[in-house]
N, C-alpha and C. Protein backbone atom coordinates (compact mmCIF):
# COMPACT_ATOMS: atom_id res chain seq x y z
N MET A 1 129.33 87.33 71.36
CA MET A 1 128.17 87.55 70.55
C MET A 1 127.00 86.68 71.01
N LYS A 2 127.32 85.44 71.38
CA LYS A 2 126.27 84.53 71.84
C LYS A 2 125.66 85.05 73.14
N ARG A 3 126.48 85.66 73.98
CA ARG A 3 125.98 86.22 75.24
C ARG A 3 124.95 87.32 74.99
N HIS A 4 125.22 88.14 73.98
CA HIS A 4 124.30 89.24 73.67
C HIS A 4 122.96 88.70 73.17
N ARG A 5 123.00 87.66 72.38
CA ARG A 5 121.76 87.07 71.89
C ARG A 5 120.95 86.47 73.03
N ILE A 6 121.64 85.82 73.95
CA ILE A 6 120.96 85.23 75.11
C ILE A 6 120.35 86.33 75.97
N ALA A 7 121.11 87.41 76.17
CA ALA A 7 120.61 88.53 76.96
C ALA A 7 119.40 89.17 76.28
N LEU A 8 119.47 89.35 74.97
CA LEU A 8 118.35 89.94 74.24
C LEU A 8 117.13 89.03 74.32
N ALA A 9 117.33 87.74 74.15
CA ALA A 9 116.22 86.80 74.24
C ALA A 9 115.61 86.84 75.64
N GLY A 10 116.44 86.96 76.66
CA GLY A 10 115.95 87.06 78.03
C GLY A 10 115.11 88.30 78.25
N MET A 11 115.54 89.41 77.67
CA MET A 11 114.77 90.64 77.82
C MET A 11 113.43 90.53 77.10
N VAL A 12 113.43 89.93 75.93
CA VAL A 12 112.19 89.75 75.19
C VAL A 12 111.22 88.90 76.00
N VAL A 13 111.71 87.83 76.57
CA VAL A 13 110.87 86.96 77.39
C VAL A 13 110.35 87.72 78.60
N ALA A 14 111.20 88.50 79.25
CA ALA A 14 110.79 89.26 80.42
C ALA A 14 109.69 90.26 80.08
N VAL A 15 109.84 90.96 78.98
CA VAL A 15 108.81 91.92 78.57
C VAL A 15 107.51 91.20 78.25
N ALA A 16 107.60 90.07 77.59
CA ALA A 16 106.40 89.30 77.27
C ALA A 16 105.69 88.83 78.53
N LEU A 17 106.45 88.39 79.52
CA LEU A 17 105.85 87.93 80.77
C LEU A 17 105.19 89.07 81.53
N VAL A 18 105.85 90.20 81.58
CA VAL A 18 105.27 91.35 82.28
C VAL A 18 104.00 91.79 81.58
N THR A 19 104.02 91.84 80.27
CA THR A 19 102.83 92.23 79.51
C THR A 19 101.69 91.24 79.72
N ALA A 20 102.00 89.97 79.71
CA ALA A 20 100.97 88.94 79.89
C ALA A 20 100.41 88.96 81.30
N ALA A 21 101.21 89.39 82.26
CA ALA A 21 100.76 89.40 83.65
C ALA A 21 99.78 90.53 83.94
N CYS A 22 99.79 91.56 83.11
CA CYS A 22 98.88 92.67 83.32
C CYS A 22 97.47 92.25 82.92
N PRO A 23 96.49 92.59 83.74
CA PRO A 23 95.12 92.24 83.36
C PRO A 23 94.71 92.98 82.10
N GLY A 24 93.93 92.32 81.28
CA GLY A 24 93.51 92.91 80.02
C GLY A 24 92.65 94.14 80.17
N ASN A 25 92.04 94.32 81.32
CA ASN A 25 91.15 95.45 81.49
C ASN A 25 91.80 96.57 82.28
N ILE A 26 93.12 96.60 82.31
CA ILE A 26 93.80 97.62 83.12
C ILE A 26 93.39 99.03 82.69
N SER A 27 93.22 99.26 81.39
CA SER A 27 92.79 100.58 80.95
C SER A 27 91.28 100.62 80.70
N HIS A 28 90.63 99.50 80.89
CA HIS A 28 89.20 99.41 80.66
C HIS A 28 88.51 98.94 81.93
N SER A 29 88.75 99.65 82.99
CA SER A 29 88.15 99.28 84.26
C SER A 29 86.79 99.97 84.41
N TYR A 30 85.98 99.44 85.29
CA TYR A 30 84.70 100.07 85.57
C TYR A 30 84.91 101.49 86.08
N LYS A 31 85.99 101.68 86.84
CA LYS A 31 86.30 103.01 87.35
C LYS A 31 86.54 103.98 86.18
N GLY A 32 87.22 103.51 85.14
CA GLY A 32 87.44 104.34 83.96
C GLY A 32 86.14 104.67 83.25
N PHE A 33 85.25 103.68 83.20
CA PHE A 33 83.94 103.91 82.58
C PHE A 33 83.17 104.96 83.36
N THR A 34 83.13 104.83 84.69
CA THR A 34 82.38 105.79 85.49
C THR A 34 82.99 107.18 85.39
N SER A 35 84.29 107.26 85.21
CA SER A 35 84.92 108.57 85.03
C SER A 35 84.39 109.24 83.76
N ALA A 36 84.33 108.48 82.67
CA ALA A 36 83.79 109.03 81.42
C ALA A 36 82.32 109.40 81.59
N LEU A 37 81.59 108.56 82.31
CA LEU A 37 80.17 108.80 82.57
C LEU A 37 79.99 110.12 83.32
N GLU A 38 80.78 110.32 84.37
CA GLU A 38 80.68 111.52 85.19
C GLU A 38 81.12 112.78 84.45
N LYS A 39 82.00 112.61 83.46
CA LYS A 39 82.47 113.76 82.70
C LYS A 39 81.51 114.14 81.57
N GLY A 40 80.43 113.36 81.43
CA GLY A 40 79.41 113.70 80.45
C GLY A 40 79.63 113.13 79.07
N ALA A 41 80.37 112.04 78.97
CA ALA A 41 80.61 111.42 77.67
C ALA A 41 79.27 111.08 77.00
N PRO A 42 79.19 111.25 75.69
CA PRO A 42 77.94 110.92 74.98
C PRO A 42 77.72 109.41 74.93
N CYS A 43 76.50 109.03 74.64
CA CYS A 43 76.13 107.61 74.60
C CYS A 43 77.03 106.81 73.66
N ALA A 44 77.34 107.35 72.50
CA ALA A 44 78.17 106.61 71.53
C ALA A 44 79.52 106.26 72.14
N GLU A 45 80.14 107.20 72.83
CA GLU A 45 81.43 106.94 73.47
C GLU A 45 81.31 105.91 74.58
N LEU A 46 80.25 106.00 75.35
CA LEU A 46 80.05 105.05 76.44
C LEU A 46 79.80 103.64 75.90
N PHE A 47 79.08 103.53 74.79
CA PHE A 47 78.88 102.22 74.17
C PHE A 47 80.19 101.68 73.60
N ASP A 48 81.02 102.57 73.07
CA ASP A 48 82.35 102.13 72.59
C ASP A 48 83.15 101.54 73.74
N GLN A 49 83.10 102.20 74.88
CA GLN A 49 83.82 101.69 76.05
C GLN A 49 83.22 100.37 76.52
N ARG A 50 81.90 100.26 76.49
CA ARG A 50 81.23 99.04 76.94
C ARG A 50 81.70 97.83 76.15
N GLU A 51 81.95 98.02 74.87
CA GLU A 51 82.36 96.91 74.01
C GLU A 51 83.70 96.30 74.43
N ARG A 52 84.48 97.01 75.22
CA ARG A 52 85.79 96.51 75.65
C ARG A 52 85.71 95.59 76.86
N PHE A 53 84.54 95.48 77.46
CA PHE A 53 84.38 94.67 78.67
C PHE A 53 83.85 93.29 78.34
N THR A 54 84.24 92.31 79.15
CA THR A 54 83.73 90.95 78.98
C THR A 54 83.17 90.39 80.28
N GLY A 55 83.55 90.94 81.41
CA GLY A 55 83.10 90.44 82.70
C GLY A 55 81.63 90.73 82.94
N ALA A 56 80.88 89.70 83.34
CA ALA A 56 79.44 89.84 83.55
C ALA A 56 79.12 90.88 84.62
N GLU A 57 79.90 90.93 85.67
CA GLU A 57 79.63 91.88 86.77
C GLU A 57 79.79 93.32 86.29
N ASP A 58 80.90 93.60 85.58
CA ASP A 58 81.10 94.95 85.05
C ASP A 58 80.03 95.31 84.03
N LEU A 59 79.70 94.38 83.15
CA LEU A 59 78.68 94.65 82.13
C LEU A 59 77.33 94.94 82.76
N ALA A 60 76.98 94.25 83.82
CA ALA A 60 75.71 94.51 84.50
C ALA A 60 75.68 95.91 85.09
N LYS A 61 76.79 96.34 85.71
CA LYS A 61 76.85 97.69 86.27
C LYS A 61 76.81 98.74 85.17
N ILE A 62 77.54 98.49 84.09
CA ILE A 62 77.56 99.44 82.97
C ILE A 62 76.18 99.56 82.34
N ASP A 63 75.52 98.43 82.12
CA ASP A 63 74.18 98.46 81.54
C ASP A 63 73.20 99.22 82.43
N ALA A 64 73.31 99.04 83.73
CA ALA A 64 72.44 99.78 84.65
C ALA A 64 72.72 101.27 84.57
N ASP A 65 73.99 101.64 84.48
CA ASP A 65 74.35 103.06 84.35
C ASP A 65 73.81 103.63 83.04
N LEU A 66 73.97 102.89 81.96
CA LEU A 66 73.49 103.36 80.66
C LEU A 66 71.97 103.54 80.67
N ASP A 67 71.27 102.58 81.25
CA ASP A 67 69.80 102.70 81.35
C ASP A 67 69.41 103.92 82.17
N ARG A 68 70.11 104.14 83.26
CA ARG A 68 69.80 105.24 84.18
C ARG A 68 69.90 106.60 83.49
N ILE A 69 70.84 106.73 82.55
CA ILE A 69 71.02 108.03 81.90
C ILE A 69 70.35 108.11 80.54
N GLY A 70 69.59 107.06 80.19
CA GLY A 70 68.83 107.08 78.94
C GLY A 70 69.59 106.64 77.71
N CYS A 71 70.75 106.02 77.88
CA CYS A 71 71.52 105.53 76.74
C CYS A 71 71.09 104.10 76.43
N VAL A 72 70.06 103.99 75.60
CA VAL A 72 69.58 102.65 75.25
C VAL A 72 70.19 102.18 73.93
N THR A 73 70.70 103.12 73.14
CA THR A 73 71.43 102.80 71.91
C THR A 73 72.60 103.77 71.79
N ARG A 74 73.48 103.50 70.84
CA ARG A 74 74.61 104.42 70.59
C ARG A 74 74.12 105.80 70.17
N GLU A 75 72.97 105.84 69.51
CA GLU A 75 72.45 107.11 68.98
C GLU A 75 71.62 107.88 70.01
N SER A 76 71.36 107.29 71.14
CA SER A 76 70.56 107.97 72.17
C SER A 76 71.26 109.24 72.66
N VAL A 77 70.46 110.11 73.25
CA VAL A 77 70.97 111.32 73.88
C VAL A 77 70.76 111.17 75.38
N ARG A 78 71.78 111.45 76.13
CA ARG A 78 71.68 111.35 77.59
C ARG A 78 70.55 112.21 78.12
N ASN A 79 69.82 111.72 79.10
CA ASN A 79 68.73 112.50 79.68
C ASN A 79 68.99 112.86 81.14
N ASP A 80 70.24 112.75 81.56
CA ASP A 80 70.58 113.04 82.95
C ASP A 80 71.18 114.43 83.12
N ARG A 81 71.23 115.20 82.10
CA ARG A 81 71.84 116.52 82.19
C ARG A 81 70.81 117.61 82.00
């Protein structure tokens, strides 16, 4: 019984380590943002995605993209289409 508890604890630790090792922006990459941008996502959706970023470099690129398509607020309408 003690062996099973040790094995279970080891698996829990392993899962925690693997999860912690993944970068926090794995699903929130700039590439993912540009994919939504290219698919015609509305400004509100793009601003929702922007809120998930913290890196200055990504935020600068995202802000430039938003400005380029006329998304100055969540309520804006894209002017690139």
